[in-house]
Amino acid sequence: MSENLSTIIEKLVKRFNGETIEFAGDPSVILPVEKIAEAAKAIHDEFGFDLLSAVTAVDYWPEENPRFHLFYRFTSIPNRMTLNVRVPVSGISPSAPTVETVYHNANWQEREVYDMFGIKFEGHSDLRRILMPHDWEGHPQRKDYPLGYEEPQYSFNFDEIDVRKPYATRQGASLKNRHGE
């Protein structure tokens, strides 16, 4: 049952109205979002990719249509092949059908994508946060998520950053006390 990867890609593109791209010599199939569940079943049952290695997303903000690409990596262990599938998803109410019914390990991976990017998976058995607390606001891997980080302090910007630190506003605090002078 060992088909050449390029033959499999051609069949997927033709059958599911997709297209191909290549990056660094690694081909990927781009499929419409509404076809991913059906394609995943064919990838598993017909082409023998027995493992869903990864499900993740890429955020192309400020683009909105598509804003995201879901990235699926399927592996055929017996045939030693890997198939990459990308699925463009709109930034307005982002959602995609679940592939959990075909690949059971998609459960946790889709929950992670939902938690980090806010992409909903229709038909998922237990779509809830997996990494962040249940009451967390927002999705931390989105490019428009507010970072709220502390600017790195180096020798060239030490004084400029130091005055913005929380202890700089305490009454009685002085540079001499903080630096051990």
Protein backbone atom coordinates (compact mmCIF):
# COMPACT_ATOMS: atom_id res chain seq x y z
CA MET A 1 0.00 0.00 0.00
CA SER A 2 3.01 2.27 -0.23
CA GLU A 3 2.07 5.05 -2.62
CA ASN A 4 4.46 7.82 -3.47
CA LEU A 5 3.80 10.98 -1.46
CA SER A 6 3.50 13.10 -4.60
CA THR A 7 0.78 10.76 -5.91
CA ILE A 8 -1.12 11.04 -2.63
CA ILE A 9 -0.85 14.83 -2.71
CA GLU A 10 -2.13 14.95 -6.30
CA LYS A 11 -5.12 12.78 -5.38
CA LEU A 12 -5.96 14.96 -2.35
CA VAL A 13 -5.70 18.17 -4.37
CA LYS A 14 -7.96 16.83 -7.11
CA ARG A 15 -10.51 15.20 -4.82
CA PHE A 16 -10.86 17.99 -2.25
CA ASN A 17 -10.32 21.02 -4.49
CA GLY A 18 -7.01 21.92 -2.89
CA GLU A 19 -3.66 23.26 -3.98
CA THR A 20 -0.04 22.60 -3.14
CA ILE A 21 2.76 24.75 -1.84
CA GLU A 22 6.36 23.90 -1.10
CA PHE A 23 8.67 25.41 1.49
CA ALA A 24 12.28 24.30 1.94
CA GLY A 25 11.60 21.24 -0.21
CA ASP A 26 8.71 20.13 2.01
CA PRO A 27 5.36 19.99 0.15
CA SER A 28 2.06 20.87 1.82
CA VAL A 29 -1.53 20.50 0.69
CA ILE A 30 -3.85 23.46 1.23
CA LEU A 31 -7.46 22.33 1.66
CA PRO A 32 -10.70 24.27 2.20
CA VAL A 33 -11.79 24.32 5.84
CA GLU A 34 -15.11 22.60 5.14
CA LYS A 35 -13.28 19.59 3.63
CA ILE A 36 -10.78 18.82 6.43
CA ALA A 37 -12.86 16.19 8.26
CA GLU A 38 -13.60 14.28 5.06
CA ALA A 39 -9.98 14.63 3.93
CA ALA A 40 -8.68 13.38 7.30
CA LYS A 41 -10.83 10.26 6.95
CA ALA A 42 -9.41 9.61 3.46
CA ILE A 43 -5.86 10.32 4.66
CA HIS A 44 -6.32 7.74 7.41
CA ASP A 45 -8.42 5.06 5.72
CA GLU A 46 -7.30 5.19 2.09
CA PHE A 47 -3.72 6.44 2.27
CA GLY A 48 -2.62 4.76 5.52
CA PHE A 49 -1.50 7.73 7.58
CA ASP A 50 -2.08 6.18 10.97
CA LEU A 51 -0.85 9.02 13.20
CA LEU A 52 -1.83 12.65 13.57
CA SER A 53 1.52 14.04 14.70
CA ALA A 54 0.49 17.65 15.17
CA VAL A 55 -2.33 20.15 14.99
CA THR A 56 -1.40 23.78 15.44
CA ALA A 57 -2.18 27.17 13.93
CA VAL A 58 -0.43 30.19 12.46
CA ASP A 59 -1.81 33.71 12.88
CA TYR A 60 -1.38 36.05 9.90
CA TRP A 61 -2.88 39.11 11.62
CA PRO A 62 -3.62 41.85 10.48
CA GLU A 63 -4.94 39.76 7.57
CA GLU A 64 -8.55 38.72 8.23
CA ASN A 65 -9.45 36.42 5.39
CA PRO A 66 -7.76 34.10 6.01
CA ARG A 67 -6.32 35.18 9.31
CA PHE A 68 -5.25 31.72 10.42
CA HIS A 69 -3.90 28.57 8.88
CA LEU A 70 -4.51 25.33 10.75
CA PHE A 71 -1.54 23.04 10.26
CA TYR A 72 -2.00 19.26 10.38
CA ARG A 73 0.91 16.83 10.18
CA PHE A 74 -0.03 13.24 9.37
CA THR A 75 2.45 10.36 9.61
CA SER A 76 2.41 6.92 8.03
CA ILE A 77 4.64 4.89 10.32
CA PRO A 78 4.75 1.72 8.17
CA ASN A 79 5.50 3.70 4.98
CA ARG A 80 7.79 6.23 6.68
CA MET A 81 6.00 9.23 5.16
CA THR A 82 4.82 12.55 6.48
CA LEU A 83 2.03 14.64 4.97
CA ASN A 84 1.50 18.31 5.81
CA VAL A 85 -1.95 19.82 5.37
CA ARG A 86 -2.77 23.50 5.82
CA VAL A 87 -6.31 24.81 6.18
CA PRO A 88 -7.03 28.56 5.85
CA VAL A 89 -9.51 29.84 8.45
CA SER A 90 -11.23 33.23 8.52
CA GLY A 91 -10.50 35.60 11.38
CA ILE A 92 -14.21 36.35 11.81
CA SER A 93 -15.70 33.61 14.03
CA PRO A 94 -12.83 31.19 13.32
CA SER A 95 -13.91 27.55 13.29
CA ALA A 96 -13.20 24.23 11.61
CA PRO A 97 -14.70 20.74 11.76
CA THR A 98 -13.03 18.41 14.25
CA VAL A 99 -10.93 15.47 13.08
CA GLU A 100 -11.23 13.85 16.51
CA THR A 101 -13.56 11.13 15.22
CA VAL A 102 -10.80 9.86 12.90
CA TYR A 103 -7.72 10.65 14.99
CA HIS A 104 -8.58 10.39 18.69
CA ASN A 105 -5.43 12.24 19.77
CA ALA A 106 -6.79 15.34 18.00
CA ASN A 107 -8.89 15.87 21.13
CA TRP A 108 -6.10 17.45 23.15
CA GLN A 109 -4.35 19.09 20.21
CA GLU A 110 -7.55 20.83 19.05
CA ARG A 111 -8.20 21.96 22.62
CA GLU A 112 -4.76 23.53 22.71
CA VAL A 113 -5.38 25.37 19.42
CA TYR A 114 -8.74 26.54 20.77
CA ASP A 115 -7.12 27.74 24.00
CA MET A 116 -4.17 29.52 22.40
CA PHE A 117 -5.75 30.85 19.16
CA GLY A 118 -9.53 30.83 19.79
CA ILE A 119 -10.34 28.61 16.79
CA LYS A 120 -13.41 26.51 17.56
CA PHE A 121 -13.65 22.90 16.36
CA GLU A 122 -17.22 22.05 15.45
CA GLY A 123 -18.31 18.63 16.71
CA HIS A 124 -15.49 18.35 19.26
CA SER A 125 -16.45 16.18 22.25
CA ASP A 126 -14.96 18.40 24.98
CA LEU A 127 -13.84 21.79 23.66
CA ARG A 128 -12.58 23.72 26.67
CA ARG A 129 -9.35 25.33 27.77
CA ILE A 130 -6.46 22.98 28.39
CA LEU A 131 -3.46 25.23 29.20
CA MET A 132 -4.89 28.48 30.55
CA PRO A 133 -7.27 28.81 33.53
CA HIS A 134 -10.94 28.42 32.58
CA ASP A 135 -11.69 32.08 33.35
CA TRP A 136 -8.76 33.46 31.28
CA GLU A 137 -9.64 36.28 28.90
CA GLY A 138 -8.29 36.08 25.35
CA HIS A 139 -6.01 33.74 23.42
CA PRO A 140 -2.28 34.24 24.11
CA GLN A 141 -0.86 33.02 20.76
CA ARG A 142 -2.81 35.53 18.70
CA LYS A 143 -0.63 38.29 17.33
CA ASP A 144 -2.98 40.99 18.60
CA TYR A 145 -2.95 39.66 22.18
CA PRO A 146 -1.50 42.29 24.54
CA LEU A 147 1.93 41.12 25.67
CA GLY A 148 2.22 42.88 29.04
CA TYR A 149 5.91 42.09 29.25
CA GLU A 150 8.73 43.86 31.02
CA GLU A 151 11.25 45.51 28.72
CA PRO A 152 14.73 43.94 29.02
CA GLN A 153 17.15 46.04 31.01
CA TYR A 154 20.71 46.38 29.68
CA SER A 155 23.64 48.59 30.59
CA PHE A 156 22.81 51.12 27.86
CA ASN A 157 19.16 51.61 28.96
CA PHE A 158 19.45 50.80 32.67
CA ASP A 159 18.42 54.18 34.08
CA GLU A 160 15.58 54.66 31.59
CA ILE A 161 14.04 51.27 32.44
CA ASP A 162 14.85 51.46 36.15
CA VAL A 163 12.62 54.50 36.77
CA ARG A 164 9.62 52.61 35.34
CA LYS A 165 9.98 49.62 37.68
CA PRO A 166 7.44 49.25 40.51
CA TYR A 167 9.95 49.92 43.30
CA ALA A 168 10.85 53.28 41.69
CA THR A 169 7.49 54.68 42.82
CA ARG A 170 7.79 53.61 46.47
CA GLN A 171 8.34 56.45 48.87
CA GLY A 172 11.92 56.60 50.09
CA ALA A 173 13.35 54.32 47.43
CA SER A 174 16.55 55.60 45.91
CA LEU A 175 19.00 54.38 43.33
CA LYS A 176 21.76 54.29 45.93
CA ASN A 177 19.79 51.90 48.19
CA ARG A 178 18.88 49.56 45.33
CA HIS A 179 22.42 49.37 43.97
CA GLY A 180 24.06 48.79 47.33
CA GLU A 181 25.93 52.09 47.27
